[in-house]
């Protein structure tokens, strides 16, 4: 029986590039979730990181699969739920925030996961997704490794472009709120050599921002049939200079009636 995809993924996250990605994503998640308000927030998968640590909602939950590392999941103070991400065990429109850290790219049916997220998320609720960027040096090395060599990232992942994810979200009536690219270091394995490439982060953010190895995107679920168009502009109605034909007929009828009475 082949090993589940999350087993190789867990091993990769313990490597120097894996810890590098987790550290960058933790900083981004902390900034994004800090200003998301509500009552119920759920992270799906990836117990190696607490994406909700800076969020102030009263209830935080982590949904894990049966083959996820329960020891890692128990490190943080949240409710632990074991379920399938394609059949979320929540009532419709009951959650205010859902985080999918690298979930879609390891899923057999990412569309179904997004449909379930759309079902359980409240109108104006927030969805945050992270994933690997195929249009990066890391993505190029991963693609070439399928032909020759050893894969740099877990072979089981089917990495999805940010453009495709945007299309999926727009079809579900989500409005994109913000996005981030990061992790511009070269795809190498050694911790010492990766530590010498910190200068690439600032250069990447300035000169080639869309080619970061990892992306985060935040989207808001909009109410079906409603669309915010901004404040209404003040329209001045011109003064009426003369009576309308209907008003003129009314006055004429009054004058005729007055003459008949006389």
Foldseek 3Di string as FASTA:
>chain_A
DDDALVVVQVVLLVFLVNVVVQVVQLVVLLVVQLPFDDAEEEEEDDLQHDSCPNHDHPAYEYEYEPPDDVVSNPPDPHHYHYDDLLADPAAFQAHQEYEYEANLQLDPCSLSSVVVVLGRHHAQGKYKYKFFACQALLVVQQVVVVVPDHRLHRVNTRGDHPVVVVVSCVVSQKAWDDKFAFARFHSDGDNVVSVVCPVVGVVCVVPPGRRHGMMMTMIGHHDPPDDDDDDDDDDDDDDDPDDDPVVVVVVVVVVVVVVVVD
